[in-house]
Protein backbone atom coordinates (compact mmCIF):
# COMPACT_ATOMS: atom_id res chain seq x y z
CA MET A 1 -0.98 -7.48 19.60
CA ALA A 2 0.96 -7.94 16.40
CA VAL A 3 0.76 -8.18 12.82
CA TRP A 4 2.89 -10.79 10.81
CA ASN A 5 3.19 -10.05 7.13
CA LEU A 6 4.36 -12.42 4.59
CA GLY A 7 5.19 -9.92 1.82
CA SER A 8 7.44 -8.82 -1.09
CA ILE A 9 10.31 -6.55 -0.75
CA ASN A 10 11.37 -4.90 -3.99
CA ILE A 11 13.91 -2.23 -5.11
CA ASP A 12 12.11 0.20 -7.24
CA ASN A 13 14.29 1.54 -10.12
CA VAL A 14 12.47 4.35 -11.76
CA TYR A 15 13.52 5.90 -15.13
CA ARG A 16 12.00 9.38 -16.26
CA VAL A 17 11.77 9.11 -20.07
CA PRO A 18 10.50 11.44 -22.83
CA HIS A 19 8.29 8.69 -24.04
CA LEU A 20 8.00 5.14 -23.61
CA PRO A 21 10.56 3.10 -25.84
CA ALA A 22 9.27 1.33 -28.77
CA PRO A 23 10.43 -2.14 -29.62
CA GLY A 24 14.18 -2.29 -30.31
CA GLU A 25 14.56 1.26 -29.50
CA THR A 26 17.37 2.47 -27.21
CA LEU A 27 16.26 5.50 -25.20
CA ALA A 28 18.21 7.87 -22.80
CA ALA A 29 16.58 8.60 -19.51
CA ASN A 30 16.50 12.07 -18.07
CA GLU A 31 16.30 11.13 -14.55
CA PHE A 32 16.73 8.01 -12.31
CA SER A 33 15.58 7.13 -8.79
CA GLN A 34 15.65 4.13 -6.53
CA GLY A 35 13.46 3.43 -3.65
CA LEU A 36 11.76 0.80 -1.44
CA GLY A 37 8.82 -0.89 -2.96
CA GLY A 38 6.94 -4.18 -3.23
CA LYS A 39 3.12 -4.48 -2.09
CA GLY A 40 4.34 -6.44 1.21
CA ALA A 41 6.85 -3.80 2.06
CA ASN A 42 4.37 -0.98 1.56
CA MET A 43 1.76 -2.64 3.74
CA SER A 44 4.52 -3.20 6.57
CA VAL A 45 5.38 0.38 6.36
CA ALA A 46 1.78 1.49 6.44
CA ILE A 47 1.12 -0.67 9.53
CA ALA A 48 4.14 0.59 11.36
CA ARG A 49 3.15 4.43 10.59
CA ALA A 50 -0.39 3.60 11.95
CA ALA A 51 1.24 2.76 15.15
CA ALA A 52 0.76 -0.96 15.23
CA ARG A 53 3.53 -3.64 15.82
CA VAL A 54 4.35 -5.34 12.48
CA ALA A 55 6.99 -8.16 11.77
CA HIS A 56 7.87 -8.74 8.26
CA ILE A 57 8.36 -12.21 6.81
CA GLY A 58 10.34 -12.12 3.57
CA ALA A 59 13.67 -12.50 1.88
CA VAL A 60 16.06 -10.28 -0.04
CA GLY A 61 19.53 -10.90 -1.75
CA VAL A 62 22.76 -9.34 -0.62
CA ASP A 63 22.10 -6.43 -2.94
CA GLY A 64 18.94 -5.71 -0.87
CA LYS A 65 20.30 -5.35 2.52
CA TRP A 66 19.64 -1.60 2.30
CA THR A 67 15.87 -2.30 1.93
CA VAL A 68 15.93 -4.21 5.19
CA GLU A 69 17.63 -1.28 6.91
CA ARG A 70 15.12 1.15 5.30
CA LEU A 71 12.23 -1.02 6.71
CA MET A 72 13.75 -0.98 10.18
CA GLU A 73 14.13 2.75 10.10
CA TYR A 74 10.38 3.02 9.40
CA GLY A 75 9.53 0.79 12.56
CA VAL A 76 9.10 -2.49 10.97
CA ASP A 77 10.33 -5.65 12.80
CA THR A 78 13.03 -7.02 10.31
CA ARG A 79 14.29 -10.00 12.29
CA ARG A 80 12.23 -12.56 10.07
CA ILE A 81 13.71 -11.23 6.91
CA LYS A 82 16.41 -13.63 5.38
CA VAL A 83 19.26 -12.35 3.53
CA LEU A 84 19.90 -15.26 0.78
CA GLN A 85 23.33 -15.39 -0.62
CA ASP A 86 22.27 -16.97 -3.94
CA GLN A 87 19.36 -14.72 -4.76
CA SER A 88 18.92 -11.38 -6.29
CA THR A 89 16.37 -9.04 -4.41
CA GLY A 90 13.04 -8.59 -6.26
CA HIS A 91 13.08 -5.45 -7.96
CA ALA A 92 10.90 -3.43 -10.62
CA ASN A 93 12.37 -1.52 -13.48
CA ILE A 94 9.87 1.48 -14.05
CA ALA A 95 9.97 3.81 -17.09
CA VAL A 96 7.69 6.82 -16.41
CA ALA A 97 7.15 9.14 -19.71
CA ASP A 98 6.41 12.66 -19.76
CA ASP A 99 2.83 12.27 -20.40
CA GLY A 100 2.43 10.06 -17.20
CA GLU A 101 2.16 6.72 -18.99
CA ASN A 102 4.56 4.01 -17.40
CA GLN A 103 5.99 0.62 -18.46
CA ILE A 104 7.09 -1.87 -15.70
CA VAL A 105 9.20 -5.01 -15.73
CA LEU A 106 8.99 -6.91 -12.46
CA PHE A 107 11.47 -9.51 -11.45
CA SER A 108 10.38 -11.58 -8.30
CA GLY A 109 13.83 -12.80 -7.14
CA SER A 110 14.20 -13.69 -3.68
CA ASN A 111 10.56 -12.99 -3.12
CA ARG A 112 9.68 -16.39 -4.58
CA ALA A 113 12.46 -18.08 -2.72
CA ILE A 114 10.79 -18.15 0.82
CA THR A 115 10.61 -21.65 2.50
CA ASP A 116 8.31 -23.43 4.78
CA ASP A 117 10.86 -23.25 7.43
CA MET A 118 11.26 -19.45 7.29
CA VAL A 119 7.51 -19.15 7.70
CA GLY A 120 7.32 -21.65 10.47
CA ALA A 121 10.07 -20.02 12.39
CA ALA A 122 8.47 -16.70 12.35
CA LEU A 123 4.87 -17.68 12.98
CA ALA A 124 6.08 -19.90 16.01
CA GLU A 125 6.55 -16.46 17.84
CA ALA A 126 3.02 -15.37 17.17
CA SER A 127 0.57 -15.23 19.83
CA LEU A 128 -3.24 -16.10 19.73
CA GLY A 129 -5.09 -13.33 18.42
CA ASP A 130 -2.42 -11.68 16.50
CA THR A 131 -3.11 -10.85 12.76
CA PHE A 132 -1.39 -12.63 9.91
CA LEU A 133 -1.35 -10.66 6.38
CA THR A 134 -0.24 -11.73 2.96
CA GLN A 135 -0.59 -10.85 -0.64
CA ASN A 136 0.44 -12.54 -4.18
CA GLU A 137 4.05 -11.25 -4.72
CA THR A 138 5.62 -13.97 -2.73
CA ASN A 139 5.28 -17.82 -2.56
CA ARG A 140 4.15 -19.92 0.29
CA GLN A 141 0.95 -17.78 0.80
CA ARG A 142 -1.23 -21.09 1.32
CA THR A 143 1.14 -22.74 3.68
CA ALA A 144 1.31 -19.53 5.84
CA ALA A 145 -2.30 -18.87 5.70
CA GLU A 146 -3.19 -22.45 6.96
CA MET A 147 -0.61 -22.21 9.35
CA ALA A 148 -1.68 -18.95 10.87
CA ASN A 149 -5.40 -20.17 10.86
CA ARG A 150 -4.37 -23.23 12.90
CA LEU A 151 -2.63 -21.02 15.30
CA GLY A 152 -5.63 -18.90 15.93
CA LEU A 153 -4.42 -15.75 14.03
CA LYS A 154 -6.78 -13.55 12.10
CA VAL A 155 -5.87 -14.17 8.51
CA VAL A 156 -6.03 -11.02 6.20
CA TYR A 157 -5.53 -11.57 2.37
CA ALA A 158 -4.96 -8.68 -0.07
CA ALA A 159 -5.66 -10.61 -3.42
CA ALA A 160 -3.32 -8.62 -5.48
CA PRO A 161 -1.67 -9.07 -8.05
CA PHE A 162 -4.86 -11.07 -8.84
CA ASP A 163 -4.47 -14.63 -9.51
CA SER A 164 -7.42 -16.82 -9.37
CA GLY A 165 -5.61 -20.04 -8.51
CA ALA A 166 -3.67 -18.35 -5.74
CA VAL A 167 -7.01 -16.81 -4.29
CA GLN A 168 -8.75 -20.32 -4.33
CA ASP A 169 -5.72 -21.92 -2.37
CA VAL A 170 -5.90 -19.26 0.32
CA LEU A 171 -9.63 -18.70 0.55
CA PRO A 172 -10.66 -21.45 3.12
CA PHE A 173 -8.33 -19.91 5.80
CA VAL A 174 -9.30 -16.16 5.10
CA ASP A 175 -11.04 -14.03 7.80
CA LEU A 176 -10.79 -10.69 5.86
CA LEU A 177 -10.44 -10.50 2.01
CA VAL A 178 -9.28 -7.04 0.74
CA LEU A 179 -9.49 -6.44 -3.04
CA ASN A 180 -10.40 -3.71 -5.50
CA GLU A 181 -13.36 -3.48 -7.87
CA ILE A 182 -11.62 -5.02 -10.87
CA GLU A 183 -10.07 -7.86 -8.69
CA ALA A 184 -13.57 -8.57 -7.25
CA GLN A 185 -15.05 -9.04 -10.86
CA GLN A 186 -12.42 -11.32 -11.81
CA LEU A 187 -12.94 -13.36 -8.64
CA GLU A 188 -16.60 -13.63 -9.15
CA ALA A 189 -16.27 -14.52 -12.75
CA SER A 190 -13.54 -17.27 -12.12
CA LEU A 191 -15.58 -18.74 -9.19
CA GLY A 192 -18.98 -18.30 -10.73
CA LYS A 193 -20.58 -17.00 -7.44
CA PRO A 194 -20.92 -13.62 -5.84
CA LEU A 195 -18.62 -12.49 -3.06
CA THR A 196 -21.39 -12.97 -0.35
CA ALA A 197 -21.29 -16.65 -1.17
CA LEU A 198 -17.57 -16.93 -0.46
CA GLY A 199 -17.92 -17.80 3.27
CA VAL A 200 -15.45 -15.09 4.14
CA GLU A 201 -16.24 -13.31 7.39
CA ASP A 202 -15.48 -9.78 6.22
CA ILE A 203 -14.75 -8.56 2.59
CA VAL A 204 -13.60 -5.04 1.74
CA VAL A 205 -13.88 -3.85 -1.87
CA THR A 206 -11.81 -0.69 -2.75
CA LEU A 207 -13.44 1.72 -5.34
CA GLY A 208 -10.88 4.16 -5.92
CA ALA A 209 -12.44 7.85 -6.09
CA ASP A 210 -15.77 6.09 -5.06
CA GLY A 211 -14.47 5.03 -1.53
CA CYS A 212 -15.01 1.30 -0.45
CA HIS A 213 -17.70 -1.35 0.42
CA TRP A 214 -17.51 -3.61 3.39
CA LEU A 215 -19.48 -6.73 3.21
CA ASN A 216 -19.77 -9.10 6.24
CA ALA A 217 -21.02 -12.58 7.01
CA ALA A 218 -24.11 -11.22 8.50
CA GLY A 219 -25.18 -9.98 5.27
CA ASP A 220 -24.52 -6.16 5.86
CA GLN A 221 -23.18 -3.89 3.04
CA ILE A 222 -21.81 -0.73 3.99
CA HIS A 223 -20.42 1.86 1.78
CA ILE A 224 -17.51 4.32 3.10
CA PRO A 225 -17.15 7.48 0.78
CA ALA A 226 -13.84 8.58 -0.40
CA ILE A 227 -12.23 11.85 0.85
CA PRO A 228 -12.07 14.22 -2.15
CA VAL A 229 -8.33 15.20 -3.06
CA THR A 230 -6.42 16.13 -6.05
CA PRO A 231 -4.49 12.94 -6.98
CA VAL A 232 -0.68 13.48 -7.73
CA ASP A 233 0.11 9.51 -7.98
CA THR A 234 -1.88 6.70 -7.02
CA THR A 235 1.00 4.10 -6.76
CA GLY A 236 0.88 2.62 -3.25
CA ALA A 237 -2.33 4.11 -2.21
CA GLY A 238 -4.19 0.70 -2.06
CA ASP A 239 -1.35 -0.78 -0.13
CA THR A 240 -1.53 2.19 2.25
CA PHE A 241 -5.08 1.54 2.74
CA THR A 242 -4.92 -2.03 3.44
CA GLY A 243 -1.95 -1.43 5.91
CA TYR A 244 -4.04 1.12 7.97
CA LEU A 245 -6.87 -1.10 7.94
CA VAL A 246 -5.12 -3.98 9.27
CA ALA A 247 -3.32 -1.83 11.81
CA GLY A 248 -6.58 -0.21 13.12
CA LEU A 249 -8.17 -3.58 13.46
CA ASP A 250 -5.15 -5.07 15.31
CA ARG A 251 -5.26 -2.16 17.71
CA GLY A 252 -8.92 -2.95 18.60
CA MET A 253 -10.73 -0.40 16.37
CA PRO A 254 -14.26 -1.41 15.09
CA MET A 255 -14.33 -2.16 11.34
CA ARG A 256 -16.24 1.00 10.45
CA GLN A 257 -13.65 3.26 12.45
CA ALA A 258 -10.55 1.21 10.98
CA LEU A 259 -12.06 1.84 7.42
CA GLY A 260 -12.37 5.36 8.10
CA LEU A 261 -8.82 5.93 9.14
CA ALA A 262 -7.69 3.71 6.16
CA THR A 263 -9.68 5.91 3.74
CA GLN A 264 -7.93 9.01 5.29
CA ALA A 265 -4.52 7.49 4.89
CA GLY A 266 -5.23 6.36 1.21
CA ALA A 267 -6.49 9.89 0.37
CA LEU A 268 -3.43 11.65 1.78
CA MET A 269 -1.17 9.00 0.15
CA VAL A 270 -2.44 9.73 -3.57
CA THR A 271 -1.28 13.46 -2.94
CA ARG A 272 2.28 12.36 -2.83
CA LEU A 273 4.74 11.26 -5.50
CA GLY A 274 6.40 7.72 -4.41
CA THR A 275 5.60 4.37 -2.65
CA ALA A 276 6.81 3.22 0.80
CA ASP A 277 9.15 6.24 1.51
CA VAL A 278 6.15 8.82 1.36
CA ILE A 279 3.56 6.63 3.33
CA PRO A 280 1.99 8.91 5.86
CA ASP A 281 2.02 8.61 9.72
CA LEU A 282 -0.69 9.19 12.04
CA LYS A 283 0.35 12.68 12.83
CA GLU A 284 0.41 13.56 9.20
CA ILE A 285 -3.21 12.39 8.78
CA GLU A 286 -4.37 14.27 11.82
CA ASP A 287 -2.55 17.40 10.62
CA ALA A 288 -4.06 17.10 7.08
CA LYS A 289 -7.75 17.21 8.50
CA LEU A 290 -9.07 15.06 5.70
CA ALA A 291 -11.97 13.53 7.65
């Protein structure tokens, strides 16, 4: 089987600063680093590192060709990523202060220039029983989810960054909804009904250090505890969790087993500094013996 991920690709520009800049202040950075980011790219890397086949559907500008090469190095099928001559690659300018506080300016760029034709050409190669995954950092989520549903793909939706309108557009086509505790509260408030009344087959709510909840259409509610670790950086942990969950299910694991694997991956991820470039693979998870 395979996973088809319509997702963002960002260039993360990270600046280490003594403190976050005040309005109008010019501040010299002590350190600079650049890496691969974006929720979509993170999830694709996690899926590949979890030993599932993943094809990324997305777009970059000419300045982002290296991000496509990096994804390919990590085992992601990049043939459905378009390089757009008239767009800049999405990027995040991240200031990280010595006290750990951060400030982020996000530019969507080419992530919002995806066309229906690009999505259609990619999903035309999908097979019955494959998985379709998307998040909220691109456009065309509803079009793609509806198309994937019609083609018989399992539709997985990570409702982040949270946007009530985007969720309501995609929800009728979703088989598995993944969101964190705050996003779950926002969704229930915006729709005026509990998650159990949404008509979605499976819902996973991540709870950070408290693990996650799995709710299904049969009315079952199962809690998966977190694995105690000393966190270094929580960036990308949720994306790693979701990617491993999707990969496990695509490989035929029962939900509980896939959630266990995803929990291990997320726990190991928070002990590392970085995003896509430090997502663990299966051997690293096995060697860490976190279960």
